[in-house]
Amino acid sequence: MLIAACNTVLAQDIFQEKFYTPELVLKYREEAGLSVDQVEKIKQIYNSELPLYNSKKWDLDADMTKLEKLISESNVDAKAAAAQLDKALKLEAEIKKMKLDMLVKVKNTLTPTQQSKLDVYKGEIVSSGIFPSLSGKQNVTGLRGAKAMMEKAVFHIINGTEEKMMNEFPKNIEPNDIESLEVLRSEAATAKYGALGENGVIVLTLKKKK
């Protein structure tokens, strides 16, 4: 399972380094100089993949939940756990192939000049990831990534108005209270926020209280 996890991280790093997610491209369409036709084509690529992706992602979440239960037993059924892991890894591989196919199509829609303009934003982690997560785990993943980079004071923006330099994540904010979380690093952070973004920027939007 540790090997599988390492392979997952490696694949994600390669995807982030070599490709441009549709969320990032569409967010910075004007900065990159995309045409109306390019924007519509990328939207079509994204929307055509979404239903099948979500279906597989829901199945993967269920398989991982079942695997977690199996290995949480005081006496683990090794055969059942291995079979469940194989099932989850097969689904995960299918999802990765879908992501690769989609990211290739998006990249091939962009000109080399447009790709160069988007490179400055590659350090930015768009809150929805390659596809939006409907499992409720996206905020937790983003939260861990935000905490991991806080060796130095990081510029926080909360609900677009509250700004502060902090070297720890706000203790009064729970993952379930987060509507969206955006992490900017390196050039993406300094390009947008200047010297304040030197150590990174975390942009938090909290859910409105009912």
N, C-alpha and C. Protein backbone atom coordinates (compact mmCIF):
# COMPACT_ATOMS: atom_id res chain seq x y z
N MET A 1 0.83 -1.21 0.00
CA MET A 1 0.00 0.00 0.00
C MET A 1 0.86 1.25 0.00
N LEU A 2 2.02 1.19 0.71
CA LEU A 2 2.93 2.34 0.72
C LEU A 2 3.50 2.59 -0.67
N ILE A 3 3.85 1.51 -1.37
CA ILE A 3 4.37 1.64 -2.74
C ILE A 3 3.32 2.27 -3.64
N ALA A 4 2.07 1.81 -3.49
CA ALA A 4 0.97 2.36 -4.30
C ALA A 4 0.80 3.85 -4.03
N ALA A 5 0.90 4.22 -2.76
CA ALA A 5 0.75 5.64 -2.40
C ALA A 5 1.87 6.47 -3.00
N CYS A 6 3.10 5.96 -2.97
CA CYS A 6 4.24 6.68 -3.55
C CYS A 6 4.06 6.86 -5.06
N ASN A 7 3.57 5.81 -5.72
CA ASN A 7 3.33 5.90 -7.16
C ASN A 7 2.26 6.92 -7.48
N THR A 8 1.24 7.02 -6.62
CA THR A 8 0.18 8.00 -6.82
C THR A 8 0.73 9.42 -6.74
N VAL A 9 1.56 9.67 -5.72
CA VAL A 9 2.15 11.00 -5.56
C VAL A 9 3.04 11.34 -6.74
N LEU A 10 3.83 10.36 -7.20
CA LEU A 10 4.72 10.58 -8.33
C LEU A 10 3.94 10.96 -9.58
N ALA A 11 2.85 10.24 -9.85
CA ALA A 11 2.03 10.53 -11.02
C ALA A 11 1.44 11.93 -10.93
N GLN A 12 0.96 12.30 -9.74
CA GLN A 12 0.38 13.62 -9.56
C GLN A 12 1.42 14.71 -9.78
N ASP A 13 2.66 14.49 -9.30
CA ASP A 13 3.73 15.47 -9.49
C ASP A 13 4.06 15.65 -10.96
N ILE A 14 4.11 14.54 -11.70
CA ILE A 14 4.40 14.60 -13.13
C ILE A 14 3.29 15.34 -13.86
N PHE A 15 2.05 15.03 -13.54
CA PHE A 15 0.91 15.70 -14.16
C PHE A 15 0.99 17.21 -13.91
N GLN A 16 1.27 17.59 -12.67
CA GLN A 16 1.31 19.01 -12.32
C GLN A 16 2.45 19.72 -13.02
N GLU A 17 3.57 19.02 -13.18
CA GLU A 17 4.76 19.63 -13.78
C GLU A 17 4.60 19.80 -15.29
N LYS A 18 4.00 18.84 -15.96
CA LYS A 18 3.99 18.81 -17.41
C LYS A 18 2.68 19.30 -18.05
N PHE A 19 1.60 19.34 -17.27
CA PHE A 19 0.31 19.67 -17.86
C PHE A 19 -0.32 20.90 -17.22
N TYR A 20 -1.46 21.29 -17.79
CA TYR A 20 -2.24 22.43 -17.30
C TYR A 20 -3.67 21.97 -17.08
N THR A 21 -4.14 22.05 -15.84
CA THR A 21 -5.50 21.60 -15.58
C THR A 21 -6.49 22.57 -16.23
N PRO A 22 -7.66 22.08 -16.64
CA PRO A 22 -8.64 22.97 -17.24
C PRO A 22 -9.05 24.11 -16.32
N GLU A 23 -9.08 23.82 -14.99
CA GLU A 23 -9.43 24.89 -14.04
C GLU A 23 -8.44 26.04 -14.13
N LEU A 24 -7.15 25.70 -14.18
CA LEU A 24 -6.11 26.72 -14.24
C LEU A 24 -6.17 27.48 -15.56
N VAL A 25 -6.33 26.76 -16.66
CA VAL A 25 -6.38 27.39 -17.98
C VAL A 25 -7.57 28.33 -18.10
N LEU A 26 -8.73 27.87 -17.65
CA LEU A 26 -9.93 28.69 -17.76
C LEU A 26 -9.89 29.89 -16.82
N LYS A 27 -9.24 29.73 -15.68
CA LYS A 27 -9.13 30.84 -14.73
C LYS A 27 -8.27 31.96 -15.30
N TYR A 28 -7.18 31.58 -15.98
CA TYR A 28 -6.25 32.57 -16.52
C TYR A 28 -6.32 32.65 -18.05
N ARG A 29 -7.50 32.50 -18.57
CA ARG A 29 -7.70 32.52 -20.03
C ARG A 29 -7.25 33.84 -20.66
N GLU A 30 -7.56 34.94 -19.98
CA GLU A 30 -7.19 36.26 -20.53
C GLU A 30 -5.68 36.46 -20.47
N GLU A 31 -5.06 36.07 -19.36
CA GLU A 31 -3.61 36.23 -19.23
C GLU A 31 -2.87 35.39 -20.28
N ALA A 32 -3.42 34.23 -20.61
CA ALA A 32 -2.78 33.36 -21.58
C ALA A 32 -3.14 33.72 -23.01
N GLY A 33 -4.19 34.53 -23.19
CA GLY A 33 -4.60 34.94 -24.53
C GLY A 33 -5.37 33.88 -25.29
N LEU A 34 -6.24 33.13 -24.61
CA LEU A 34 -7.03 32.11 -25.28
C LEU A 34 -8.13 32.74 -26.12
N SER A 35 -8.41 32.11 -27.23
CA SER A 35 -9.51 32.55 -28.08
C SER A 35 -10.83 31.98 -27.54
N VAL A 36 -11.93 32.51 -28.03
CA VAL A 36 -13.25 32.01 -27.61
C VAL A 36 -13.39 30.54 -27.98
N ASP A 37 -12.90 30.17 -29.17
CA ASP A 37 -12.98 28.78 -29.62
C ASP A 37 -12.18 27.85 -28.71
N GLN A 38 -11.01 28.30 -28.27
CA GLN A 38 -10.19 27.48 -27.36
C GLN A 38 -10.89 27.28 -26.02
N VAL A 39 -11.48 28.34 -25.51
CA VAL A 39 -12.19 28.25 -24.23
C VAL A 39 -13.33 27.25 -24.33
N GLU A 40 -14.10 27.32 -25.39
CA GLU A 40 -15.24 26.41 -25.56
C GLU A 40 -14.76 24.97 -25.74
N LYS A 41 -13.66 24.79 -26.46
CA LYS A 41 -13.14 23.43 -26.67
C LYS A 41 -12.68 22.81 -25.34
N ILE A 42 -12.00 23.60 -24.51
CA ILE A 42 -11.53 23.09 -23.22
C ILE A 42 -12.71 22.78 -22.30
N LYS A 43 -13.73 23.60 -22.35
CA LYS A 43 -14.94 23.33 -21.56
C LYS A 43 -15.58 22.02 -22.00
N GLN A 44 -15.62 21.78 -23.32
CA GLN A 44 -16.20 20.54 -23.84
C GLN A 44 -15.39 19.32 -23.41
N ILE A 45 -14.05 19.46 -23.47
CA ILE A 45 -13.18 18.36 -23.04
C ILE A 45 -13.45 18.02 -21.58
N TYR A 46 -13.52 19.05 -20.76
CA TYR A 46 -13.74 18.88 -19.33
C TYR A 46 -15.09 18.23 -19.05
N ASN A 47 -16.14 18.80 -19.63
CA ASN A 47 -17.49 18.33 -19.34
C ASN A 47 -17.76 16.93 -19.88
N SER A 48 -17.08 16.55 -20.95
CA SER A 48 -17.29 15.21 -21.51
C SER A 48 -16.72 14.12 -20.61
N GLU A 49 -15.69 14.45 -19.85
CA GLU A 49 -15.04 13.47 -18.97
C GLU A 49 -15.71 13.39 -17.59
N LEU A 50 -16.39 14.45 -17.20
CA LEU A 50 -16.84 14.59 -15.81
C LEU A 50 -17.79 13.48 -15.32
N PRO A 51 -18.85 13.13 -16.07
CA PRO A 51 -19.79 12.12 -15.54
C PRO A 51 -19.14 10.76 -15.24
N LEU A 52 -18.34 10.27 -16.20
CA LEU A 52 -17.70 8.97 -16.00
C LEU A 52 -16.66 9.04 -14.89
N TYR A 53 -15.92 10.16 -14.82
CA TYR A 53 -14.94 10.33 -13.75
C TYR A 53 -15.61 10.26 -12.38
N ASN A 54 -16.68 11.01 -12.21
CA ASN A 54 -17.37 11.03 -10.92
C ASN A 54 -17.88 9.65 -10.54
N SER A 55 -18.38 8.91 -11.52
CA SER A 55 -18.87 7.55 -11.27
C SER A 55 -17.75 6.65 -10.75
N LYS A 56 -16.59 6.73 -11.40
CA LYS A 56 -15.45 5.91 -10.98
C LYS A 56 -14.90 6.38 -9.63
N LYS A 57 -14.92 7.70 -9.41
CA LYS A 57 -14.40 8.25 -8.15
C LYS A 57 -15.28 7.81 -6.98
N TRP A 58 -16.58 7.80 -7.17
CA TRP A 58 -17.48 7.34 -6.10
C TRP A 58 -17.21 5.87 -5.78
N ASP A 59 -17.01 5.07 -6.84
CA ASP A 59 -16.71 3.65 -6.64
C ASP A 59 -15.39 3.47 -5.91
N LEU A 60 -14.39 4.29 -6.27
CA LEU A 60 -13.09 4.20 -5.61
C LEU A 60 -13.19 4.59 -4.13
N ASP A 61 -13.95 5.63 -3.84
CA ASP A 61 -14.14 6.04 -2.44
C ASP A 61 -14.76 4.90 -1.63
N ALA A 62 -15.74 4.22 -2.23
CA ALA A 62 -16.40 3.11 -1.54
C ALA A 62 -15.44 1.95 -1.33
N ASP A 63 -14.60 1.67 -2.35
CA ASP A 63 -13.64 0.58 -2.23
C ASP A 63 -12.58 0.88 -1.17
N MET A 64 -12.15 2.12 -1.09
CA MET A 64 -11.15 2.50 -0.09
C MET A 64 -11.73 2.46 1.32
N THR A 65 -13.00 2.82 1.44
CA THR A 65 -13.67 2.73 2.74
C THR A 65 -13.75 1.29 3.21
N LYS A 66 -14.07 0.40 2.26
CA LYS A 66 -14.13 -1.03 2.59
C LYS A 66 -12.76 -1.56 2.98
N LEU A 67 -11.71 -1.12 2.25
CA LEU A 67 -10.35 -1.54 2.56
C LEU A 67 -9.94 -1.07 3.95
N GLU A 68 -10.30 0.17 4.27
CA GLU A 68 -9.97 0.72 5.59
C GLU A 68 -10.60 -0.11 6.71
N LYS A 69 -11.83 -0.54 6.50
CA LYS A 69 -12.51 -1.37 7.51
C LYS A 69 -11.80 -2.72 7.67
N LEU A 70 -11.39 -3.29 6.53
CA LEU A 70 -10.73 -4.59 6.57
C LEU A 70 -9.42 -4.54 7.35
N ILE A 71 -8.63 -3.50 7.11
CA ILE A 71 -7.32 -3.45 7.76
C ILE A 71 -7.39 -2.85 9.18
N SER A 72 -8.58 -2.38 9.56
CA SER A 72 -8.76 -1.86 10.92
C SER A 72 -9.10 -2.96 11.92
N GLU A 73 -9.40 -4.16 11.41
CA GLU A 73 -9.72 -5.29 12.29
C GLU A 73 -8.49 -5.68 13.11
N SER A 74 -8.72 -6.14 14.31
CA SER A 74 -7.60 -6.58 15.17
C SER A 74 -6.90 -7.80 14.57
N ASN A 75 -7.65 -8.62 13.83
CA ASN A 75 -7.09 -9.77 13.13
C ASN A 75 -7.42 -9.63 11.65
N VAL A 76 -6.47 -9.12 10.87
CA VAL A 76 -6.73 -8.76 9.47
C VAL A 76 -6.75 -9.99 8.58
N ASP A 77 -7.77 -10.09 7.73
CA ASP A 77 -7.85 -11.13 6.71
C ASP A 77 -6.98 -10.69 5.54
N ALA A 78 -5.75 -11.18 5.48
CA ALA A 78 -4.77 -10.74 4.49
C ALA A 78 -5.25 -10.95 3.06
N LYS A 79 -5.90 -12.10 2.81
CA LYS A 79 -6.37 -12.41 1.46
C LYS A 79 -7.45 -11.43 1.03
N ALA A 80 -8.40 -11.16 1.91
CA ALA A 80 -9.49 -10.23 1.59
C ALA A 80 -8.96 -8.81 1.40
N ALA A 81 -8.00 -8.41 2.26
CA ALA A 81 -7.43 -7.08 2.16
C ALA A 81 -6.67 -6.90 0.84
N ALA A 82 -5.90 -7.92 0.46
CA ALA A 82 -5.13 -7.85 -0.79
C ALA A 82 -6.07 -7.76 -2.00
N ALA A 83 -7.14 -8.56 -1.97
CA ALA A 83 -8.10 -8.55 -3.07
C ALA A 83 -8.80 -7.18 -3.17
N GLN A 84 -9.12 -6.60 -2.02
CA GLN A 84 -9.77 -5.29 -2.02
C GLN A 84 -8.83 -4.21 -2.51
N LEU A 85 -7.56 -4.31 -2.14
CA LEU A 85 -6.56 -3.35 -2.61
C LEU A 85 -6.40 -3.44 -4.13
N ASP A 86 -6.35 -4.66 -4.65
CA ASP A 86 -6.24 -4.85 -6.10
C ASP A 86 -7.42 -4.20 -6.82
N LYS A 87 -8.60 -4.34 -6.25
CA LYS A 87 -9.80 -3.76 -6.85
C LYS A 87 -9.71 -2.23 -6.87
N ALA A 88 -9.24 -1.66 -5.75
CA ALA A 88 -9.11 -0.21 -5.67
C ALA A 88 -8.03 0.31 -6.61
N LEU A 89 -6.92 -0.39 -6.69
CA LEU A 89 -5.81 0.04 -7.55
C LEU A 89 -6.21 -0.01 -9.03
N LYS A 90 -7.02 -0.99 -9.40
CA LYS A 90 -7.49 -1.08 -10.78
C LYS A 90 -8.34 0.14 -11.14
N LEU A 91 -9.23 0.52 -10.23
CA LEU A 91 -10.05 1.71 -10.46
C LEU A 91 -9.20 2.96 -10.50
N GLU A 92 -8.22 3.04 -9.61
CA GLU A 92 -7.35 4.21 -9.56
C GLU A 92 -6.57 4.36 -10.87
N ALA A 93 -6.12 3.23 -11.41
CA ALA A 93 -5.39 3.26 -12.69
C ALA A 93 -6.29 3.76 -13.81
N GLU A 94 -7.54 3.35 -13.81
CA GLU A 94 -8.49 3.80 -14.83
C GLU A 94 -8.72 5.31 -14.73
N ILE A 95 -8.80 5.80 -13.50
CA ILE A 95 -9.00 7.23 -13.28
C ILE A 95 -7.78 8.02 -13.76
N LYS A 96 -6.58 7.51 -13.47
CA LYS A 96 -5.35 8.19 -13.91
C LYS A 96 -5.28 8.26 -15.44
N LYS A 97 -5.69 7.19 -16.09
CA LYS A 97 -5.67 7.18 -17.55
C LYS A 97 -6.65 8.22 -18.11
N MET A 98 -7.80 8.34 -17.45
CA MET A 98 -8.77 9.35 -17.87
C MET A 98 -8.19 10.75 -17.71
N LYS A 99 -7.52 10.98 -16.57
CA LYS A 99 -6.91 12.29 -16.32
C LYS A 99 -5.83 12.58 -17.37
N LEU A 100 -4.99 11.57 -17.64
CA LEU A 100 -3.93 11.77 -18.62
C LEU A 100 -4.49 12.12 -19.99
N ASP A 101 -5.50 11.40 -20.42
CA ASP A 101 -6.12 11.65 -21.71
C ASP A 101 -6.69 13.07 -21.78
N MET A 102 -7.37 13.49 -20.70
CA MET A 102 -7.97 14.81 -20.66
C MET A 102 -6.90 15.91 -20.66
N LEU A 103 -5.84 15.72 -19.87
CA LEU A 103 -4.79 16.73 -19.77
C LEU A 103 -4.01 16.87 -21.07
N VAL A 104 -3.82 15.75 -21.77
CA VAL A 104 -3.16 15.80 -23.08
C VAL A 104 -3.99 16.62 -24.06
N LYS A 105 -5.30 16.40 -24.06
CA LYS A 105 -6.18 17.15 -24.97
C LYS A 105 -6.15 18.64 -24.66
N VAL A 106 -6.16 18.98 -23.38
CA VAL A 106 -6.12 20.40 -22.99
C VAL A 106 -4.81 21.03 -23.43
N LYS A 107 -3.69 20.35 -23.14
CA LYS A 107 -2.37 20.90 -23.50
C LYS A 107 -2.24 21.08 -25.01
N ASN A 108 -2.75 20.12 -25.77
CA ASN A 108 -2.65 20.20 -27.22
C ASN A 108 -3.54 21.28 -27.82
N THR A 109 -4.47 21.80 -27.02
CA THR A 109 -5.31 22.91 -27.47
C THR A 109 -4.58 24.24 -27.36
N LEU A 110 -3.54 24.28 -26.52
CA LEU A 110 -2.79 25.51 -26.27
C LEU A 110 -1.58 25.64 -27.18
N THR A 111 -1.28 26.87 -27.55
CA THR A 111 -0.06 27.13 -28.32
C THR A 111 1.14 27.15 -27.37
N PRO A 112 2.36 26.96 -27.91
CA PRO A 112 3.55 27.05 -27.05
C PRO A 112 3.64 28.38 -26.29
N THR A 113 3.25 29.47 -26.94
CA THR A 113 3.27 30.78 -26.28
C THR A 113 2.29 30.83 -25.12
N GLN A 114 1.10 30.28 -25.33
CA GLN A 114 0.10 30.26 -24.27
C GLN A 114 0.56 29.39 -23.10
N GLN A 115 1.21 28.27 -23.40
CA GLN A 115 1.73 27.41 -22.34
C GLN A 115 2.78 28.14 -21.51
N SER A 116 3.64 28.91 -22.18
CA SER A 116 4.67 29.67 -21.47
C SER A 116 4.04 30.70 -20.53
N LYS A 117 2.96 31.33 -20.98
CA LYS A 117 2.29 32.32 -20.14
C LYS A 117 1.62 31.68 -18.93
N LEU A 118 1.16 30.44 -19.09
CA LEU A 118 0.50 29.74 -17.99
C LEU A 118 1.50 29.14 -17.01
N ASP A 119 2.75 28.99 -17.43
CA ASP A 119 3.77 28.38 -16.56
C ASP A 119 3.94 29.15 -15.26
N VAL A 120 3.75 30.47 -15.30
CA VAL A 120 3.94 31.27 -14.10
C VAL A 120 2.92 30.94 -13.02
N TYR A 121 1.79 30.34 -13.42
CA TYR A 121 0.73 30.03 -12.47
C TYR A 121 0.76 28.56 -12.03
N LYS A 122 1.75 27.81 -12.47
CA LYS A 122 1.77 26.37 -12.18
C LYS A 122 1.95 26.06 -10.69
N GLY A 123 2.52 27.00 -9.94
CA GLY A 123 2.67 26.77 -8.51
C GLY A 123 1.38 26.91 -7.75
N GLU A 124 0.34 27.34 -8.43
CA GLU A 124 -0.95 27.54 -7.78
C GLU A 124 -1.74 26.24 -7.79
N ILE A 125 -2.28 25.88 -6.63
CA ILE A 125 -3.13 24.71 -6.53
C ILE A 125 -4.58 25.17 -6.54
N VAL A 126 -5.27 24.90 -7.64
CA VAL A 126 -6.67 25.30 -7.74
C VAL A 126 -7.49 24.39 -6.84
N SER A 127 -8.40 24.96 -6.08
CA SER A 127 -9.08 24.23 -5.01
C SER A 127 -9.82 22.99 -5.46
N SER A 128 -10.32 22.99 -6.70
CA SER A 128 -11.11 21.85 -7.15
C SER A 128 -10.25 20.72 -7.72
N GLY A 129 -8.95 20.93 -7.89
CA GLY A 129 -8.10 19.89 -8.45
C GLY A 129 -8.39 19.68 -9.92
N ILE A 130 -7.97 18.55 -10.47
CA ILE A 130 -8.19 18.29 -11.88
C ILE A 130 -9.68 18.16 -12.18
N PHE A 131 -10.39 17.49 -11.30
CA PHE A 131 -11.84 17.42 -11.37
C PHE A 131 -12.39 17.79 -10.00
N PRO A 132 -13.58 18.37 -9.93
CA PRO A 132 -14.15 18.67 -8.62
C PRO A 132 -14.46 17.40 -7.86
N SER A 133 -14.16 17.39 -6.57
CA SER A 133 -14.43 16.23 -5.74
C SER A 133 -15.81 16.34 -5.11
N LEU A 134 -16.61 15.30 -5.24
CA LEU A 134 -17.93 15.30 -4.64
C LEU A 134 -17.96 14.41 -3.41
N SER A 135 -16.79 13.98 -2.97
CA SER A 135 -16.74 13.06 -1.83
C SER A 135 -16.62 13.76 -0.50
N GLY A 136 -16.42 15.10 -0.55
CA GLY A 136 -16.28 15.85 0.69
C GLY A 136 -14.88 15.80 1.26
N LYS A 137 -13.91 15.24 0.52
CA LYS A 137 -12.56 15.10 1.03
C LYS A 137 -11.60 16.14 0.46
N GLN A 138 -12.06 16.94 -0.49
CA GLN A 138 -11.16 17.87 -1.15
C GLN A 138 -10.60 18.90 -0.18
N ASN A 139 -11.44 19.43 0.70
CA ASN A 139 -10.97 20.44 1.64
C ASN A 139 -9.92 19.87 2.59
N VAL A 140 -10.09 18.62 3.00
CA VAL A 140 -9.13 17.99 3.90
C VAL A 140 -7.78 17.85 3.20
N THR A 141 -7.79 17.42 1.93
CA THR A 141 -6.55 17.28 1.17
C THR A 141 -5.85 18.62 1.04
N GLY A 142 -6.62 19.65 0.69
CA GLY A 142 -6.04 20.98 0.55
C GLY A 142 -5.52 21.50 1.86
N LEU A 143 -6.20 21.18 2.94
CA LEU A 143 -5.80 21.63 4.27
C LEU A 143 -4.46 21.03 4.65
N ARG A 144 -4.26 19.76 4.35
CA ARG A 144 -2.98 19.13 4.66
C ARG A 144 -1.86 19.77 3.86
N GLY A 145 -2.15 20.08 2.57
CA GLY A 145 -1.14 20.73 1.74
C GLY A 145 -0.79 22.10 2.25
N ALA A 146 -1.78 22.82 2.75
CA ALA A 146 -1.54 24.16 3.29
C ALA A 146 -0.68 24.09 4.54
N LYS A 147 -0.98 23.13 5.43
CA LYS A 147 -0.21 23.00 6.67
C LYS A 147 1.23 22.60 6.39
N ALA A 148 1.41 21.80 5.34
CA ALA A 148 2.74 21.25 5.06
C ALA A 148 3.75 22.32 4.66
N MET A 149 3.28 23.45 4.13
CA MET A 149 4.22 24.45 3.63
C MET A 149 4.51 25.55 4.66
N MET A 150 4.03 25.42 5.89
CA MET A 150 4.14 26.50 6.86
C MET A 150 5.38 26.43 7.73
N GLU A 151 6.54 26.25 7.14
CA GLU A 151 7.78 26.34 7.91
C GLU A 151 8.06 27.80 8.26
N LYS A 152 7.62 28.71 7.39
CA LYS A 152 7.75 30.14 7.62
C LYS A 152 6.36 30.76 7.61
N ALA A 153 6.29 32.02 8.02
CA ALA A 153 4.99 32.70 8.04
C ALA A 153 4.44 32.82 6.63
N VAL A 154 3.20 32.44 6.48
CA VAL A 154 2.52 32.44 5.17
C VAL A 154 1.40 33.47 5.19
N PHE A 155 1.22 34.14 4.08
CA PHE A 155 0.18 35.16 3.97
C PHE A 155 -1.18 34.48 3.80
N HIS A 156 -2.11 34.75 4.72
CA HIS A 156 -3.46 34.19 4.69
C HIS A 156 -4.47 35.25 4.28
N ILE A 157 -5.39 34.87 3.43
CA ILE A 157 -6.52 35.73 3.08
C ILE A 157 -7.78 34.92 3.37
N ILE A 158 -8.62 35.42 4.26
CA ILE A 158 -9.82 34.69 4.66
C ILE A 158 -11.06 35.48 4.26
N ASN A 159 -11.90 34.84 3.46
CA ASN A 159 -13.14 35.46 2.97
C ASN A 159 -12.90 36.78 2.23
N GLY A 160 -11.72 36.90 1.63
CA GLY A 160 -11.43 38.06 0.79
C GLY A 160 -11.14 39.35 1.51
N THR A 161 -11.27 39.38 2.84
CA THR A 161 -11.09 40.63 3.58
C THR A 161 -10.06 40.53 4.70
N GLU A 162 -10.06 39.43 5.42
CA GLU A 162 -9.15 39.27 6.56
C GLU A 162 -7.79 38.79 6.06
N GLU A 163 -6.75 39.59 6.29
CA GLU A 163 -5.41 39.27 5.81
C GLU A 163 -4.43 39.24 6.97
N LYS A 164 -3.59 38.23 7.03
CA LYS A 164 -2.60 38.14 8.11
C LYS A 164 -1.47 37.20 7.74
N MET A 165 -0.30 37.44 8.33
CA MET A 165 0.85 36.55 8.18
C MET A 165 0.82 35.56 9.34
N MET A 166 0.85 34.26 9.03
CA MET A 166 0.77 33.24 10.08
C MET A 166 1.69 32.07 9.72
N ASN A 167 2.25 31.43 10.74
CA ASN A 167 3.05 30.23 10.49
C ASN A 167 2.34 28.98 10.97
N GLU A 168 1.04 29.09 11.17
CA GLU A 168 0.22 27.92 11.47
C GLU A 168 -1.19 28.16 10.92
N PHE A 169 -1.86 27.07 10.63
CA PHE A 169 -3.22 27.18 10.09
C PHE A 169 -4.15 27.66 11.20
N PRO A 170 -5.10 28.57 10.87
CA PRO A 170 -6.02 29.08 11.91
C PRO A 170 -6.69 27.95 12.68
N LYS A 171 -6.50 27.94 13.99
CA LYS A 171 -6.99 26.84 14.83
C LYS A 171 -8.51 26.82 14.96
N ASN A 172 -9.14 27.96 14.70
CA ASN A 172 -10.59 28.04 14.88
C ASN A 172 -11.36 27.63 13.63
N ILE A 173 -10.65 27.18 12.59
CA ILE A 173 -11.31 26.79 11.34
C ILE A 173 -11.25 25.28 11.18
N GLU A 174 -12.41 24.66 11.04
CA GLU A 174 -12.51 23.22 10.82
C GLU A 174 -12.63 22.94 9.32
N PRO A 175 -12.12 21.79 8.85
CA PRO A 175 -12.21 21.45 7.43
C PRO A 175 -13.63 21.53 6.87
N ASN A 176 -14.61 21.11 7.65
CA ASN A 176 -15.99 21.12 7.17
C ASN A 176 -16.56 22.53 7.01
N ASP A 177 -15.87 23.54 7.59
CA ASP A 177 -16.32 24.92 7.46
C ASP A 177 -15.78 25.59 6.20
N ILE A 178 -14.90 24.89 5.47
CA ILE A 178 -14.23 25.49 4.33
C ILE A 178 -15.03 25.26 3.05
N GLU A 179 -15.34 26.34 2.36
CA GLU A 179 -16.01 26.26 1.06
C GLU A 179 -14.98 25.99 -0.04
N SER A 180 -13.86 26.71 -0.01
CA SER A 180 -12.79 26.49 -0.97
C SER A 180 -11.46 26.90 -0.36
N LEU A 181 -10.39 26.26 -0.80
CA LEU A 181 -9.06 26.55 -0.31
C LEU A 181 -8.11 26.58 -1.49
N GLU A 182 -7.37 27.68 -1.63
CA GLU A 182 -6.45 27.85 -2.75
C GLU A 182 -5.06 28.10 -2.19
N VAL A 183 -4.08 27.31 -2.64
CA VAL A 183 -2.71 27.45 -2.17
C VAL A 183 -1.85 27.92 -3.34
N LEU A 184 -1.17 29.05 -3.15
CA LEU A 184 -0.27 29.58 -4.16
C LEU A 184 1.16 29.51 -3.66
N ARG A 185 2.06 29.07 -4.53
CA ARG A 185 3.45 28.96 -4.15
C ARG A 185 4.34 29.68 -5.16
N SER A 186 5.57 29.95 -4.77
CA SER A 186 6.63 30.49 -5.61
C SER A 186 6.16 31.64 -6.49
N GLU A 187 6.41 31.55 -7.81
CA GLU A 187 6.14 32.66 -8.71
C GLU A 187 4.65 33.01 -8.78
N ALA A 188 3.81 32.01 -8.65
CA ALA A 188 2.37 32.27 -8.70
C ALA A 188 1.94 33.16 -7.55
N ALA A 189 2.57 32.98 -6.38
CA ALA A 189 2.22 33.77 -5.20
C ALA A 189 2.77 35.19 -5.30
N THR A 190 4.05 35.32 -5.69
CA THR A 190 4.66 36.66 -5.75
C THR A 190 4.12 37.46 -6.92
N ALA A 191 3.74 36.79 -8.01
CA ALA A 191 3.18 37.51 -9.15
C ALA A 191 1.87 38.19 -8.79
N LYS A 192 1.13 37.56 -7.89
CA LYS A 192 -0.19 38.08 -7.54
C LYS A 192 -0.16 38.97 -6.30
N TYR A 193 0.73 38.67 -5.33
CA TYR A 193 0.71 39.39 -4.06
C TYR A 193 2.04 40.04 -3.70
N GLY A 194 3.00 40.02 -4.62
CA GLY A 194 4.27 40.69 -4.37
C GLY A 194 5.04 40.06 -3.22
N ALA A 195 5.72 40.92 -2.43
CA ALA A 195 6.56 40.44 -1.34
C ALA A 195 5.77 39.67 -0.29
N LEU A 196 4.48 39.98 -0.14
CA LEU A 196 3.66 39.28 0.84
C LEU A 196 3.56 37.78 0.52
N GLY A 197 3.70 37.44 -0.75
CA GLY A 197 3.56 36.04 -1.16
C GLY A 197 4.86 35.29 -1.26
N GLU A 198 5.94 35.85 -0.70
CA GLU A 198 7.25 35.23 -0.83
C GLU A 198 7.29 33.81 -0.26
N ASN A 199 6.60 33.58 0.84
CA ASN A 199 6.58 32.25 1.46
C ASN A 199 5.33 31.46 1.11
N GLY A 200 4.54 31.99 0.20
CA GLY A 200 3.30 31.33 -0.19
C GLY A 200 2.08 32.10 0.28
N VAL A 201 0.95 31.76 -0.30
CA VAL A 201 -0.32 32.41 0.03
C VAL A 201 -1.41 31.35 0.16
N ILE A 202 -2.24 31.47 1.18
CA ILE A 202 -3.38 30.58 1.36
C ILE A 202 -4.64 31.43 1.33
N VAL A 203 -5.51 31.12 0.37
CA VAL A 203 -6.76 31.87 0.22
C VAL A 203 -7.90 30.97 0.66
N LEU A 204 -8.57 31.36 1.72
CA LEU A 204 -9.65 30.57 2.31
C LEU A 204 -10.99 31.27 2.13
N THR A 205 -11.96 30.50 1.69
CA THR A 205 -13.34 31.00 1.67
C THR A 205 -14.17 30.06 2.53
N LEU A 206 -14.81 30.60 3.54
CA LEU A 206 -15.59 29.79 4.47
C LEU A 206 -17.05 29.75 4.06
N LYS A 207 -17.70 28.66 4.41
CA LYS A 207 -19.12 28.52 4.13
C LYS A 207 -19.92 29.55 4.92
N LYS A 208 -20.94 30.08 4.28
CA LYS A 208 -21.79 31.03 4.97
C LYS A 208 -22.64 30.32 6.00
N LYS A 209 -22.67 30.87 7.20
CA LYS A 209 -23.45 30.26 8.26
C LYS A 209 -24.92 30.52 8.04
N LYS A 210 -25.72 29.47 8.21
CA LYS A 210 -27.16 29.60 8.00
C LYS A 210 -27.83 30.22 9.22
